[in-house]
Amino acid sequence: MILYNVSVIVEDSAHTAIYEWLSYELKNNAFEAKLLKMLDSPHEGTTYCIQMTVENDEQIAHFQQKFIEKLQERIGTHHPEKAFIFDSRMQYIALD
């Protein structure tokens, strides 16, 4: 099982518009992704995290193609240089 996380660090001036877009898009798609707001972010502005649990890298690639590319395009078109996106993959480990 893999936890896929996409962090979006947003300047205050673009925060509301990006939050509203993320919220709408995540509610209206087929992915079971969660939207979180980082409370103690070391960065200025607001940090949002989009997280989902997947079985394999193919599911991540599908999410990237259908959602993350759309997010990158939206930010690049409407909020250039106002947000930074990075992702990470984490594997669940059984505690024996």
PDB file of N, CA and C in Angstrom:
ATOM      1  N   MET A   1       0.843  -1.171   0.000  1.00  0.00           N
ATOM      2  CA  MET A   1       0.000   0.000   0.000  1.00  0.00           C
ATOM      3  C   MET A   1       0.892   1.239   0.000  1.00  0.00           C
ATOM      4  N   ILE A   2       0.542   2.221  -0.805  1.00  0.00           N
ATOM      5  CA  ILE A   2       1.328   3.440  -0.953  1.00  0.00           C
ATOM      6  C   ILE A   2       0.454   4.650  -0.609  1.00  0.00           C
ATOM      7  N   LEU A   3       1.019   5.565   0.158  1.00  0.00           N
ATOM      8  CA  LEU A   3       0.380   6.850   0.395  1.00  0.00           C
ATOM      9  C   LEU A   3       1.020   7.837  -0.573  1.00  0.00           C
ATOM     10  N   TYR A   4       0.209   8.405  -1.446  1.00  0.00           N
ATOM     11  CA  TYR A   4       0.694   9.396  -2.401  1.00  0.00           C
ATOM     12  C   TYR A   4       0.273  10.766  -1.905  1.00  0.00           C
ATOM     13  N   ASN A   5       1.228  11.678  -1.794  1.00  0.00           N
ATOM     14  CA  ASN A   5       0.981  13.010  -1.266  1.00  0.00           C
ATOM     15  C   ASN A   5       1.461  14.059  -2.263  1.00  0.00           C
ATOM     16  N   VAL A   6       0.621  15.047  -2.504  1.00  0.00           N
ATOM     17  CA  VAL A   6       0.991  16.198  -3.319  1.00  0.00           C
ATOM     18  C   VAL A   6       0.820  17.424  -2.440  1.00  0.00           C
ATOM     19  N   SER A   7       1.908  18.149  -2.211  1.00  0.00           N
ATOM     20  CA  SER A   7       1.854  19.368  -1.415  1.00  0.00           C
ATOM     21  C   SER A   7       1.824  20.567  -2.345  1.00  0.00           C
ATOM     22  N   VAL A   8       0.974  21.526  -2.006  1.00  0.00           N
ATOM     23  CA  VAL A   8       0.826  22.741  -2.792  1.00  0.00           C
ATOM     24  C   VAL A   8       1.050  23.911  -1.838  1.00  0.00           C
ATOM     25  N   ILE A   9       2.155  24.611  -2.013  1.00  0.00           N
ATOM     26  CA  ILE A   9       2.475  25.764  -1.179  1.00  0.00           C
ATOM     27  C   ILE A   9       2.015  27.000  -1.946  1.00  0.00           C
ATOM     28  N   VAL A  10       1.110  27.769  -1.328  1.00  0.00           N
ATOM     29  CA  VAL A  10       0.431  28.856  -2.022  1.00  0.00           C
ATOM     30  C   VAL A  10       0.679  30.190  -1.326  1.00  0.00           C
ATOM     31  N   GLU A  11       1.030  31.203  -2.101  1.00  0.00           N
ATOM     32  CA  GLU A  11       1.141  32.550  -1.554  1.00  0.00           C
ATOM     33  C   GLU A  11      -0.244  33.021  -1.103  1.00  0.00           C
ATOM     34  N   ASP A  12      -0.265  33.884  -0.103  1.00  0.00           N
ATOM     35  CA  ASP A  12      -1.535  34.370   0.438  1.00  0.00           C
ATOM     36  C   ASP A  12      -2.423  35.015  -0.619  1.00  0.00           C
ATOM     37  N   SER A  13      -1.835  35.699  -1.579  1.00  0.00           N
ATOM     38  CA  SER A  13      -2.625  36.411  -2.591  1.00  0.00           C
ATOM     39  C   SER A  13      -3.410  35.465  -3.512  1.00  0.00           C
ATOM     40  N   ALA A  14      -3.001  34.214  -3.617  1.00  0.00           N
ATOM     41  CA  ALA A  14      -3.684  33.254  -4.489  1.00  0.00           C
ATOM     42  C   ALA A  14      -4.390  32.153  -3.706  1.00  0.00           C
ATOM     43  N   HIS A  15      -4.279  32.191  -2.401  1.00  0.00           N
ATOM     44  CA  HIS A  15      -4.762  31.106  -1.551  1.00  0.00           C
ATOM     45  C   HIS A  15      -6.247  30.797  -1.732  1.00  0.00           C
ATOM     46  N   THR A  16      -7.112  31.790  -1.704  1.00  0.00           N
ATOM     47  CA  THR A  16      -8.556  31.544  -1.795  1.00  0.00           C
ATOM     48  C   THR A  16      -8.927  30.928  -3.130  1.00  0.00           C
ATOM     49  N   ALA A  17      -8.431  31.477  -4.207  1.00  0.00           N
ATOM     50  CA  ALA A  17      -8.771  30.969  -5.537  1.00  0.00           C
ATOM     51  C   ALA A  17      -8.284  29.536  -5.732  1.00  0.00           C
ATOM     52  N   ILE A  18      -7.085  29.243  -5.290  1.00  0.00           N
ATOM     53  CA  ILE A  18      -6.557  27.880  -5.452  1.00  0.00           C
ATOM     54  C   ILE A  18      -7.301  26.907  -4.558  1.00  0.00           C
ATOM     55  N   TYR A  19      -7.604  27.302  -3.322  1.00  0.00           N
ATOM     56  CA  TYR A  19      -8.383  26.434  -2.430  1.00  0.00           C
ATOM     57  C   TYR A  19      -9.749  26.116  -3.043  1.00  0.00           C
ATOM     58  N   GLU A  20     -10.442  27.130  -3.549  1.00  0.00           N
ATOM     59  CA  GLU A  20     -11.774  26.903  -4.129  1.00  0.00           C
ATOM     60  C   GLU A  20     -11.689  25.966  -5.328  1.00  0.00           C
ATOM     61  N   TRP A  21     -10.668  26.125  -6.170  1.00  0.00           N
ATOM     62  CA  TRP A  21     -10.507  25.257  -7.334  1.00  0.00           C
ATOM     63  C   TRP A  21     -10.225  23.824  -6.883  1.00  0.00           C
ATOM     64  N   LEU A  22      -9.279  23.664  -5.953  1.00  0.00           N
ATOM     65  CA  LEU A  22      -8.942  22.325  -5.447  1.00  0.00           C
ATOM     66  C   LEU A  22     -10.167  21.643  -4.848  1.00  0.00           C
ATOM     67  N   SER A  23     -10.872  22.365  -4.008  1.00  0.00           N
ATOM     68  CA  SER A  23     -12.051  21.813  -3.342  1.00  0.00           C
ATOM     69  C   SER A  23     -13.093  21.353  -4.358  1.00  0.00           C
ATOM     70  N   TYR A  24     -13.390  22.190  -5.320  1.00  0.00           N
ATOM     71  CA  TYR A  24     -14.379  21.845  -6.341  1.00  0.00           C
ATOM     72  C   TYR A  24     -13.935  20.633  -7.155  1.00  0.00           C
ATOM     73  N   GLU A  25     -12.710  20.668  -7.640  1.00  0.00           N
ATOM     74  CA  GLU A  25     -12.215  19.593  -8.500  1.00  0.00           C
ATOM     75  C   GLU A  25     -12.139  18.257  -7.757  1.00  0.00           C
ATOM     76  N   LEU A  26     -11.719  18.273  -6.507  1.00  0.00           N
ATOM     77  CA  LEU A  26     -11.618  17.021  -5.755  1.00  0.00           C
ATOM     78  C   LEU A  26     -12.990  16.457  -5.420  1.00  0.00           C
ATOM     79  N   LYS A  27     -13.984  17.319  -5.216  1.00  0.00           N
ATOM     80  CA  LYS A  27     -15.351  16.845  -4.950  1.00  0.00           C
ATOM     81  C   LYS A  27     -15.983  16.239  -6.191  1.00  0.00           C
ATOM     82  N   ASN A  28     -15.556  16.691  -7.360  1.00  0.00           N
ATOM     83  CA  ASN A  28     -16.225  16.325  -8.604  1.00  0.00           C
ATOM     84  C   ASN A  28     -15.365  15.462  -9.519  1.00  0.00           C
ATOM     85  N   ASN A  29     -14.628  14.520  -8.931  1.00  0.00           N
ATOM     86  CA  ASN A  29     -13.878  13.574  -9.754  1.00  0.00           C
ATOM     87  C   ASN A  29     -14.006  12.182  -9.144  1.00  0.00           C
ATOM     88  N   ALA A  30     -13.465  11.209  -9.827  1.00  0.00           N
ATOM     89  CA  ALA A  30     -13.622   9.819  -9.408  1.00  0.00           C
ATOM     90  C   ALA A  30     -12.560   9.355  -8.411  1.00  0.00           C
ATOM     91  N   PHE A  31     -11.588  10.200  -8.113  1.00  0.00           N
ATOM     92  CA  PHE A  31     -10.508   9.799  -7.210  1.00  0.00           C
ATOM     93  C   PHE A  31     -10.938   9.953  -5.758  1.00  0.00           C
ATOM     94  N   GLU A  32     -10.446   9.058  -4.926  1.00  0.00           N
ATOM     95  CA  GLU A  32     -10.736   9.133  -3.494  1.00  0.00           C
ATOM     96  C   GLU A  32      -9.574   9.826  -2.787  1.00  0.00           C
ATOM     97  N   ALA A  33      -9.380  11.066  -3.127  1.00  0.00           N
ATOM     98  CA  ALA A  33      -8.297  11.853  -2.547  1.00  0.00           C
ATOM     99  C   ALA A  33      -8.845  12.737  -1.440  1.00  0.00           C
ATOM    100  N   LYS A  34      -8.022  13.003  -0.458  1.00  0.00           N
ATOM    101  CA  LYS A  34      -8.362  13.875   0.663  1.00  0.00           C
ATOM    102  C   LYS A  34      -7.594  15.180   0.514  1.00  0.00           C
ATOM    103  N   LEU A  35      -8.204  16.277   0.938  1.00  0.00           N
ATOM    104  CA  LEU A  35      -7.547  17.577   0.941  1.00  0.00           C
ATOM    105  C   LEU A  35      -7.293  17.971   2.386  1.00  0.00           C
ATOM    106  N   LEU A  36      -6.039  18.300   2.677  1.00  0.00           N
ATOM    107  CA  LEU A  36      -5.650  18.700   4.017  1.00  0.00           C
ATOM    108  C   LEU A  36      -4.972  20.058   3.965  1.00  0.00           C
ATOM    109  N   LYS A  37      -5.034  20.772   5.081  1.00  0.00           N
ATOM    110  CA  LYS A  37      -4.308  22.032   5.234  1.00  0.00           C
ATOM    111  C   LYS A  37      -3.263  21.815   6.309  1.00  0.00           C
ATOM    112  N   MET A  38      -2.009  22.104   5.993  1.00  0.00           N
ATOM    113  CA  MET A  38      -0.937  21.932   6.955  1.00  0.00           C
ATOM    114  C   MET A  38      -1.034  23.056   7.993  1.00  0.00           C
ATOM    115  N   LEU A  39      -1.110  22.688   9.257  1.00  0.00           N
ATOM    116  CA  LEU A  39      -1.293  23.671  10.314  1.00  0.00           C
ATOM    117  C   LEU A  39       0.003  24.341  10.736  1.00  0.00           C
ATOM    118  N   ASP A  40       1.077  23.611  10.749  1.00  0.00           N
ATOM    119  CA  ASP A  40       2.365  24.144  11.199  1.00  0.00           C
ATOM    120  C   ASP A  40       3.380  24.129  10.065  1.00  0.00           C
ATOM    121  N   SER A  41       3.021  24.730   8.976  1.00  0.00           N
ATOM    122  CA  SER A  41       3.899  24.728   7.814  1.00  0.00           C
ATOM    123  C   SER A  41       5.130  25.593   8.067  1.00  0.00           C
ATOM    124  N   PRO A  42       6.303  25.120   7.675  1.00  0.00           N
ATOM    125  CA  PRO A  42       7.511  25.936   7.810  1.00  0.00           C
ATOM    126  C   PRO A  42       7.621  26.990   6.704  1.00  0.00           C
ATOM    127  N   HIS A  43       6.658  26.989   5.782  1.00  0.00           N
ATOM    128  CA  HIS A  43       6.687  27.897   4.635  1.00  0.00           C
ATOM    129  C   HIS A  43       5.736  29.070   4.856  1.00  0.00           C
ATOM    130  N   GLU A  44       6.021  30.167   4.200  1.00  0.00           N
ATOM    131  CA  GLU A  44       5.086  31.289   4.223  1.00  0.00           C
ATOM    132  C   GLU A  44       3.907  30.945   3.334  1.00  0.00           C
ATOM    133  N   GLY A  45       2.768  31.568   3.587  1.00  0.00           N
ATOM    134  CA  GLY A  45       1.566  31.271   2.824  1.00  0.00           C
ATOM    135  C   GLY A  45       0.848  30.091   3.426  1.00  0.00           C
ATOM    136  N   THR A  46       0.117  29.377   2.603  1.00  0.00           N
ATOM    137  CA  THR A  46      -0.673  28.226   3.031  1.00  0.00           C
ATOM    138  C   THR A  46      -0.193  26.987   2.294  1.00  0.00           C
ATOM    139  N   THR A  47      -0.099  25.879   3.017  1.00  0.00           N
ATOM    140  CA  THR A  47       0.280  24.613   2.395  1.00  0.00           C
ATOM    141  C   THR A  47      -0.904  23.657   2.453  1.00  0.00           C
ATOM    142  N   TYR A  48      -1.322  23.191   1.286  1.00  0.00           N
ATOM    143  CA  TYR A  48      -2.366  22.176   1.182  1.00  0.00           C
ATOM    144  C   TYR A  48      -1.711  20.868   0.772  1.00  0.00           C
ATOM    145  N   CYS A  49      -2.296  19.766   1.223  1.00  0.00           N
ATOM    146  CA  CYS A  49      -1.830  18.443   0.828  1.00  0.00           C
ATOM    147  C   CYS A  49      -3.010  17.666   0.258  1.00  0.00           C
ATOM    148  N   ILE A  50      -2.775  17.038  -0.853  1.00  0.00           N
ATOM    149  CA  ILE A  50      -3.746  16.139  -1.471  1.00  0.00           C
ATOM    150  C   ILE A  50      -3.189  14.744  -1.258  1.00  0.00           C
ATOM    151  N   GLN A  51      -3.944  13.892  -0.576  1.00  0.00           N
ATOM    152  CA  GLN A  51      -3.434  12.557  -0.267  1.00  0.00           C
ATOM    153  C   GLN A  51      -4.415  11.486  -0.711  1.00  0.00           C
ATOM    154  N   MET A  52      -3.829  10.394  -1.164  1.00  0.00           N
ATOM    155  CA  MET A  52      -4.638   9.228  -1.505  1.00  0.00           C
ATOM    156  C   MET A  52      -3.823   7.960  -1.297  1.00  0.00           C
ATOM    157  N   THR A  53      -4.520   6.908  -0.966  1.00  0.00           N
ATOM    158  CA  THR A  53      -3.894   5.605  -0.784  1.00  0.00           C
ATOM    159  C   THR A  53      -4.112   4.800  -2.053  1.00  0.00           C
ATOM    160  N   VAL A  54      -3.024   4.239  -2.585  1.00  0.00           N
ATOM    161  CA  VAL A  54      -3.091   3.478  -3.828  1.00  0.00           C
ATOM    162  C   VAL A  54      -2.353   2.155  -3.666  1.00  0.00           C
ATOM    163  N   GLU A  55      -2.601   1.274  -4.607  1.00  0.00           N
ATOM    164  CA  GLU A  55      -1.965  -0.042  -4.589  1.00  0.00           C
ATOM    165  C   GLU A  55      -0.657  -0.078  -5.378  1.00  0.00           C
ATOM    166  N   ASN A  56      -0.547   0.807  -6.406  1.00  0.00           N
ATOM    167  CA  ASN A  56       0.621   0.698  -7.281  1.00  0.00           C
ATOM    168  C   ASN A  56       0.929   2.026  -7.977  1.00  0.00           C
ATOM    169  N   ASP A  57       2.065   2.048  -8.653  1.00  0.00           N
ATOM    170  CA  ASP A  57       2.506   3.258  -9.346  1.00  0.00           C
ATOM    171  C   ASP A  57       1.621   3.620 -10.534  1.00  0.00           C
ATOM    172  N   GLU A  58       0.930   2.650 -11.109  1.00  0.00           N
ATOM    173  CA  GLU A  58       0.039   2.939 -12.230  1.00  0.00           C
ATOM    174  C   GLU A  58      -1.112   3.829 -11.786  1.00  0.00           C
ATOM    175  N   GLN A  59      -1.615   3.609 -10.584  1.00  0.00           N
ATOM    176  CA  GLN A  59      -2.692   4.453 -10.062  1.00  0.00           C
ATOM    177  C   GLN A  59      -2.186   5.877  -9.828  1.00  0.00           C
ATOM    178  N   ILE A  60      -0.957   5.999  -9.375  1.00  0.00           N
ATOM    179  CA  ILE A  60      -0.358   7.332  -9.196  1.00  0.00           C
ATOM    180  C   ILE A  60      -0.230   8.024 -10.551  1.00  0.00           C
ATOM    181  N   ALA A  61       0.279   7.316 -11.542  1.00  0.00           N
ATOM    182  CA  ALA A  61       0.447   7.893 -12.879  1.00  0.00           C
ATOM    183  C   ALA A  61      -0.896   8.353 -13.445  1.00  0.00           C
ATOM    184  N   HIS A  62      -1.937   7.580 -13.222  1.00  0.00           N
ATOM    185  CA  HIS A  62      -3.275   7.942 -13.695  1.00  0.00           C
ATOM    186  C   HIS A  62      -3.757   9.225 -13.008  1.00  0.00           C
ATOM    187  N   PHE A  63      -3.563   9.321 -11.695  1.00  0.00           N
ATOM    188  CA  PHE A  63      -3.947  10.517 -10.941  1.00  0.00           C
ATOM    189  C   PHE A  63      -3.141  11.726 -11.413  1.00  0.00           C
ATOM    190  N   GLN A  64      -1.866  11.532 -11.636  1.00  0.00           N
ATOM    191  CA  GLN A  64      -1.028  12.629 -12.119  1.00  0.00           C
ATOM    192  C   GLN A  64      -1.520  13.132 -13.475  1.00  0.00           C
ATOM    193  N   GLN A  65      -1.853  12.190 -14.349  1.00  0.00           N
ATOM    194  CA  GLN A  65      -2.284  12.557 -15.697  1.00  0.00           C
ATOM    195  C   GLN A  65      -3.644  13.249 -15.679  1.00  0.00           C
ATOM    196  N   LYS A  66      -4.572  12.748 -14.888  1.00  0.00           N
ATOM    197  CA  LYS A  66      -5.942  13.269 -14.902  1.00  0.00           C
ATOM    198  C   LYS A  66      -6.161  14.459 -13.976  1.00  0.00           C
ATOM    199  N   PHE A  67      -5.375  14.575 -12.901  1.00  0.00           N
ATOM    200  CA  PHE A  67      -5.627  15.638 -11.943  1.00  0.00           C
ATOM    201  C   PHE A  67      -4.451  16.600 -11.778  1.00  0.00           C
ATOM    202  N   ILE A  68      -3.269  16.073 -11.528  1.00  0.00           N
ATOM    203  CA  ILE A  68      -2.121  16.930 -11.224  1.00  0.00           C
ATOM    204  C   ILE A  68      -1.726  17.776 -12.432  1.00  0.00           C
ATOM    205  N   GLU A  69      -1.764  17.217 -13.618  1.00  0.00           N
ATOM    206  CA  GLU A  69      -1.457  18.011 -14.809  1.00  0.00           C
ATOM    207  C   GLU A  69      -2.444  19.164 -14.959  1.00  0.00           C
ATOM    208  N   LYS A  70      -3.697  18.908 -14.646  1.00  0.00           N
ATOM    209  CA  LYS A  70      -4.737  19.940 -14.692  1.00  0.00           C
ATOM    210  C   LYS A  70      -4.460  21.023 -13.643  1.00  0.00           C
ATOM    211  N   LEU A  71      -4.031  20.617 -12.451  1.00  0.00           N
ATOM    212  CA  LEU A  71      -3.678  21.553 -11.391  1.00  0.00           C
ATOM    213  C   LEU A  71      -2.490  22.418 -11.813  1.00  0.00           C
ATOM    214  N   GLN A  72      -1.465  21.793 -12.360  1.00  0.00           N
ATOM    215  CA  GLN A  72      -0.288  22.537 -12.804  1.00  0.00           C
ATOM    216  C   GLN A  72      -0.652  23.552 -13.886  1.00  0.00           C
ATOM    217  N   GLU A  73      -1.503  23.148 -14.805  1.00  0.00           N
ATOM    218  CA  GLU A  73      -1.941  24.056 -15.866  1.00  0.00           C
ATOM    219  C   GLU A  73      -2.735  25.226 -15.284  1.00  0.00           C
ATOM    220  N   ARG A  74      -3.614  24.930 -14.348  1.00  0.00           N
ATOM    221  CA  ARG A  74      -4.422  25.981 -13.719  1.00  0.00           C
ATOM    222  C   ARG A  74      -3.537  26.998 -13.004  1.00  0.00           C
ATOM    223  N   ILE A  75      -2.597  26.518 -12.232  1.00  0.00           N
ATOM    224  CA  ILE A  75      -1.702  27.423 -11.509  1.00  0.00           C
ATOM    225  C   ILE A  75      -0.833  28.220 -12.486  1.00  0.00           C
ATOM    226  N   GLY A  76      -0.292  27.552 -13.485  1.00  0.00           N
ATOM    227  CA  GLY A  76       0.554  28.233 -14.459  1.00  0.00           C
ATOM    228  C   GLY A  76      -0.178  29.309 -15.248  1.00  0.00           C
ATOM    229  N   THR A  77      -1.442  29.084 -15.530  1.00  0.00           N
ATOM    230  CA  THR A  77      -2.240  30.033 -16.300  1.00  0.00           C
ATOM    231  C   THR A  77      -2.784  31.176 -15.443  1.00  0.00           C
ATOM    232  N   HIS A  78      -3.324  30.841 -14.271  1.00  0.00           N
ATOM    233  CA  HIS A  78      -4.038  31.837 -13.460  1.00  0.00           C
ATOM    234  C   HIS A  78      -3.231  32.396 -12.281  1.00  0.00           C
ATOM    235  N   HIS A  79      -2.214  31.662 -11.847  1.00  0.00           N
ATOM    236  CA  HIS A  79      -1.451  32.078 -10.658  1.00  0.00           C
ATOM    237  C   HIS A  79       0.046  31.815 -10.845  1.00  0.00           C
ATOM    238  N   PRO A  80       0.633  32.315 -11.933  1.00  0.00           N
ATOM    239  CA  PRO A  80       2.059  32.026 -12.160  1.00  0.00           C
ATOM    240  C   PRO A  80       2.918  32.547 -11.012  1.00  0.00           C
ATOM    241  N   GLU A  81       3.829  31.677 -10.595  1.00  0.00           N
ATOM    242  CA  GLU A  81       4.796  31.986  -9.533  1.00  0.00           C
ATOM    243  C   GLU A  81       4.140  32.282  -8.186  1.00  0.00           C
ATOM    244  N   LYS A  82       2.888  31.837  -8.001  1.00  0.00           N
ATOM    245  CA  LYS A  82       2.184  32.044  -6.734  1.00  0.00           C
ATOM    246  C   LYS A  82       2.039  30.736  -5.954  1.00  0.00           C
ATOM    247  N   ALA A  83       2.411  29.618  -6.578  1.00  0.00           N
ATOM    248  CA  ALA A  83       2.274  28.321  -5.910  1.00  0.00           C
ATOM    249  C   ALA A  83       3.382  27.387  -6.375  1.00  0.00           C
ATOM    250  N   PHE A  84       3.751  26.497  -5.491  1.00  0.00           N
ATOM    251  CA  PHE A  84       4.791  25.507  -5.757  1.00  0.00           C
ATOM    252  C   PHE A  84       4.210  24.142  -5.413  1.00  0.00           C
ATOM    253  N   ILE A  85       4.413  23.168  -6.293  1.00  0.00           N
ATOM    254  CA  ILE A  85       3.862  21.823  -6.098  1.00  0.00           C
ATOM    255  C   ILE A  85       5.005  20.816  -6.025  1.00  0.00           C
ATOM    256  N   PHE A  86       4.921  19.899  -5.059  1.00  0.00           N
ATOM    257  CA  PHE A  86       5.847  18.763  -5.055  1.00  0.00           C
ATOM    258  C   PHE A  86       5.100  17.548  -4.522  1.00  0.00           C
ATOM    259  N   ASP A  87       5.553  16.386  -4.953  1.00  0.00           N
ATOM    260  CA  ASP A  87       4.864  15.166  -4.531  1.00  0.00           C
ATOM    261  C   ASP A  87       5.826  14.202  -3.865  1.00  0.00           C
ATOM    262  N   SER A  88       5.245  13.228  -3.165  1.00  0.00           N
ATOM    263  CA  SER A  88       6.026  12.183  -2.508  1.00  0.00           C
ATOM    264  C   SER A  88       5.190  10.912  -2.431  1.00  0.00           C
ATOM    265  N   ARG A  89       5.906   9.810  -2.431  1.00  0.00           N
ATOM    266  CA  ARG A  89       5.286   8.489  -2.290  1.00  0.00           C
ATOM    267  C   ARG A  89       5.837   7.872  -1.018  1.00  0.00           C
ATOM    268  N   MET A  90       4.948   7.314  -0.187  1.00  0.00           N
ATOM    269  CA  MET A  90       5.374   6.673   1.057  1.00  0.00           C
ATOM    270  C   MET A  90       4.747   5.289   1.131  1.00  0.00           C
ATOM    271  N   GLN A  91       5.542   4.358   1.584  1.00  0.00           N
ATOM    272  CA  GLN A  91       5.058   2.983   1.680  1.00  0.00           C
ATOM    273  C   GLN A  91       4.703   2.688   3.135  1.00  0.00           C
ATOM    274  N   TYR A  92       3.538   2.069   3.326  1.00  0.00           N
ATOM    275  CA  TYR A  92       3.139   1.646   4.657  1.00  0.00           C
ATOM    276  C   TYR A  92       4.003   0.459   5.073  1.00  0.00           C
ATOM    277  N   ILE A  93       4.436   0.448   6.321  1.00  0.00           N
ATOM    278  CA  ILE A  93       5.269  -0.626   6.847  1.00  0.00           C
ATOM    279  C   ILE A  93       4.554  -1.274   8.022  1.00  0.00           C
ATOM    280  N   ALA A  94       4.475  -2.587   7.989  1.00  0.00           N
ATOM    281  CA  ALA A  94       3.833  -3.313   9.087  1.00  0.00           C
ATOM    282  C   ALA A  94       4.732  -3.297  10.306  1.00  0.00           C
ATOM    283  N   LEU A  95       4.158  -3.028  11.446  1.00  0.00           N
ATOM    284  CA  LEU A  95       4.905  -3.070  12.694  1.00  0.00           C
ATOM    285  C   LEU A  95       4.756  -4.465  13.286  1.00  0.00           C
ATOM    286  N   ASP A  96       5.833  -5.211  13.244  1.00  0.00           N
ATOM    287  CA  ASP A  96       5.796  -6.603  13.728  1.00  0.00           C
ATOM    288  C   ASP A  96       6.090  -6.673  15.202  1.00  0.00           C
TER     289      ASP A  96
END
